[in-house]
Amino acid sequence: MVSKQISAGIGIPMMAVGAILAVLLAPAVTDLSDTIQFVGSLIGILGALVFIAGLFARKAPKIAS
């Protein structure tokens, strides 16, 4: 089962924010360009990992007691 809440709610926005930081904001700030690119790409990579984790997430079966 795909967990749409994890994939669409967390993974995709993280990738979008990382891309915005790395592509649009980094050239505007020349002093911290390398740092902003690093942080943006890190957020994007973590977002991709969360997106993939959301694809493999399943609901835990209830244990009858």
N, C-alpha and C. Protein backbone atom coordinates (compact mmCIF):
# COMPACT_ATOMS: atom_id res chain seq x y z
N MET A 1 0.83 -1.18 0.00
CA MET A 1 0.00 0.00 0.00
C MET A 1 0.87 1.24 0.00
N VAL A 2 0.46 2.17 -0.77
CA VAL A 2 1.19 3.43 -0.85
C VAL A 2 0.61 4.39 0.18
N SER A 3 1.47 5.02 0.93
CA SER A 3 1.01 6.02 1.89
C SER A 3 1.07 7.38 1.20
N LYS A 4 -0.06 7.83 0.72
CA LYS A 4 -0.12 9.10 0.00
C LYS A 4 0.17 10.29 0.91
N GLN A 5 -0.17 10.14 2.19
CA GLN A 5 0.07 11.25 3.11
C GLN A 5 1.56 11.51 3.27
N ILE A 6 2.36 10.46 3.32
CA ILE A 6 3.80 10.62 3.47
C ILE A 6 4.42 11.10 2.17
N SER A 7 4.08 10.47 1.07
CA SER A 7 4.70 10.80 -0.21
C SER A 7 4.32 12.19 -0.68
N ALA A 8 3.03 12.47 -0.72
CA ALA A 8 2.57 13.75 -1.27
C ALA A 8 2.64 14.87 -0.25
N GLY A 9 2.50 14.55 1.01
CA GLY A 9 2.46 15.59 2.03
C GLY A 9 3.81 16.04 2.54
N ILE A 10 4.80 15.17 2.48
CA ILE A 10 6.11 15.51 3.02
C ILE A 10 7.19 15.44 1.95
N GLY A 11 7.24 14.35 1.20
CA GLY A 11 8.32 14.13 0.24
C GLY A 11 8.35 15.14 -0.89
N ILE A 12 7.22 15.35 -1.55
CA ILE A 12 7.18 16.27 -2.70
C ILE A 12 7.45 17.72 -2.28
N PRO A 13 6.84 18.23 -1.18
CA PRO A 13 7.18 19.59 -0.77
C PRO A 13 8.65 19.77 -0.38
N MET A 14 9.24 18.74 0.23
CA MET A 14 10.67 18.85 0.57
C MET A 14 11.52 18.94 -0.68
N MET A 15 11.19 18.16 -1.70
CA MET A 15 11.95 18.23 -2.95
C MET A 15 11.77 19.59 -3.61
N ALA A 16 10.56 20.14 -3.55
CA ALA A 16 10.31 21.46 -4.15
C ALA A 16 11.08 22.55 -3.42
N VAL A 17 11.07 22.52 -2.10
CA VAL A 17 11.80 23.53 -1.32
C VAL A 17 13.30 23.41 -1.56
N GLY A 18 13.80 22.19 -1.62
CA GLY A 18 15.23 22.00 -1.90
C GLY A 18 15.61 22.53 -3.27
N ALA A 19 14.77 22.31 -4.26
CA ALA A 19 15.05 22.83 -5.60
C ALA A 19 15.01 24.34 -5.63
N ILE A 20 14.05 24.92 -4.93
CA ILE A 20 13.96 26.38 -4.88
C ILE A 20 15.21 26.97 -4.22
N LEU A 21 15.64 26.37 -3.14
CA LEU A 21 16.84 26.86 -2.46
C LEU A 21 18.07 26.73 -3.35
N ALA A 22 18.26 25.56 -3.95
CA ALA A 22 19.48 25.30 -4.70
C ALA A 22 19.53 26.06 -6.02
N VAL A 23 18.39 26.22 -6.67
CA VAL A 23 18.39 26.80 -8.02
C VAL A 23 18.11 28.30 -8.02
N LEU A 24 17.15 28.74 -7.22
CA LEU A 24 16.74 30.14 -7.30
C LEU A 24 17.41 31.03 -6.26
N LEU A 25 17.53 30.54 -5.04
CA LEU A 25 18.05 31.40 -3.98
C LEU A 25 19.57 31.48 -3.96
N ALA A 26 20.25 30.39 -4.29
CA ALA A 26 21.71 30.36 -4.21
C ALA A 26 22.39 31.38 -5.13
N PRO A 27 21.97 31.56 -6.38
CA PRO A 27 22.62 32.59 -7.20
C PRO A 27 22.36 34.01 -6.71
N ALA A 28 21.27 34.23 -5.99
CA ALA A 28 20.95 35.57 -5.52
C ALA A 28 21.87 36.01 -4.38
N VAL A 29 22.30 35.06 -3.56
CA VAL A 29 23.16 35.37 -2.42
C VAL A 29 24.55 34.84 -2.74
N THR A 30 25.44 35.71 -3.16
CA THR A 30 26.75 35.25 -3.62
C THR A 30 27.68 34.85 -2.47
N ASP A 31 27.51 35.45 -1.31
CA ASP A 31 28.41 35.15 -0.19
C ASP A 31 28.23 33.72 0.33
N LEU A 32 26.99 33.27 0.40
CA LEU A 32 26.69 31.96 0.97
C LEU A 32 26.19 30.99 -0.09
N SER A 33 26.59 31.17 -1.32
CA SER A 33 26.07 30.38 -2.43
C SER A 33 26.33 28.89 -2.24
N ASP A 34 27.55 28.52 -1.87
CA ASP A 34 27.89 27.11 -1.71
C ASP A 34 27.10 26.46 -0.58
N THR A 35 26.95 27.18 0.52
CA THR A 35 26.22 26.65 1.67
C THR A 35 24.75 26.48 1.34
N ILE A 36 24.16 27.45 0.66
CA ILE A 36 22.74 27.37 0.31
C ILE A 36 22.51 26.24 -0.69
N GLN A 37 23.41 26.07 -1.64
CA GLN A 37 23.28 24.96 -2.58
C GLN A 37 23.37 23.62 -1.86
N PHE A 38 24.28 23.50 -0.90
CA PHE A 38 24.42 22.27 -0.14
C PHE A 38 23.16 21.96 0.66
N VAL A 39 22.65 22.95 1.37
CA VAL A 39 21.45 22.74 2.19
C VAL A 39 20.25 22.43 1.30
N GLY A 40 20.11 23.13 0.18
CA GLY A 40 19.01 22.86 -0.74
C GLY A 40 19.06 21.47 -1.32
N SER A 41 20.25 21.04 -1.73
CA SER A 41 20.36 19.69 -2.28
C SER A 41 20.17 18.63 -1.21
N LEU A 42 20.60 18.91 0.01
CA LEU A 42 20.38 17.98 1.12
C LEU A 42 18.90 17.82 1.42
N ILE A 43 18.17 18.93 1.45
CA ILE A 43 16.73 18.86 1.67
C ILE A 43 16.05 18.11 0.54
N GLY A 44 16.48 18.33 -0.70
CA GLY A 44 15.90 17.62 -1.83
C GLY A 44 16.16 16.12 -1.78
N ILE A 45 17.36 15.74 -1.40
CA ILE A 45 17.69 14.32 -1.30
C ILE A 45 16.90 13.66 -0.18
N LEU A 46 16.80 14.33 0.97
CA LEU A 46 16.00 13.78 2.07
C LEU A 46 14.53 13.69 1.68
N GLY A 47 14.05 14.66 0.91
CA GLY A 47 12.68 14.60 0.42
C GLY A 47 12.45 13.41 -0.50
N ALA A 48 13.44 13.12 -1.35
CA ALA A 48 13.33 11.95 -2.23
C ALA A 48 13.32 10.66 -1.41
N LEU A 49 14.12 10.60 -0.36
CA LEU A 49 14.13 9.41 0.50
C LEU A 49 12.81 9.24 1.23
N VAL A 50 12.23 10.34 1.71
CA VAL A 50 10.93 10.27 2.38
C VAL A 50 9.86 9.86 1.40
N PHE A 51 9.94 10.36 0.15
CA PHE A 51 8.97 9.99 -0.87
C PHE A 51 9.04 8.49 -1.15
N ILE A 52 10.24 7.96 -1.28
CA ILE A 52 10.41 6.52 -1.53
C ILE A 52 9.95 5.71 -0.33
N ALA A 53 10.25 6.20 0.88
CA ALA A 53 9.79 5.50 2.08
C ALA A 53 8.26 5.48 2.14
N GLY A 54 7.62 6.54 1.67
CA GLY A 54 6.17 6.57 1.64
C GLY A 54 5.59 5.55 0.68
N LEU A 55 6.33 5.22 -0.36
CA LEU A 55 5.86 4.20 -1.29
C LEU A 55 5.86 2.81 -0.68
N PHE A 56 6.75 2.58 0.26
CA PHE A 56 6.86 1.26 0.87
C PHE A 56 6.17 1.16 2.23
N ALA A 57 5.57 2.24 2.68
CA ALA A 57 4.92 2.23 4.00
C ALA A 57 3.63 1.42 3.95
N ARG A 58 3.41 0.64 4.98
CA ARG A 58 2.18 -0.16 5.10
C ARG A 58 1.60 0.06 6.48
N LYS A 59 0.32 -0.15 6.57
CA LYS A 59 -0.31 -0.09 7.86
C LYS A 59 0.06 -1.35 8.64
N ALA A 60 0.37 -1.17 9.90
CA ALA A 60 0.71 -2.31 10.75
C ALA A 60 -0.55 -3.09 11.06
N PRO A 61 -0.48 -4.42 10.97
CA PRO A 61 -1.67 -5.21 11.29
C PRO A 61 -1.98 -5.13 12.79
N LYS A 62 -3.26 -5.12 13.09
CA LYS A 62 -3.66 -5.07 14.49
C LYS A 62 -3.47 -6.46 15.10
N ILE A 63 -2.92 -6.47 16.27
CA ILE A 63 -2.69 -7.73 16.98
C ILE A 63 -3.87 -7.97 17.92
N ALA A 64 -4.52 -9.08 17.73
CA ALA A 64 -5.65 -9.42 18.60
C ALA A 64 -5.14 -9.86 19.95
N SER A 65 -5.70 -9.27 20.97
CA SER A 65 -5.24 -9.66 22.31
C SER A 65 -6.33 -10.33 23.10
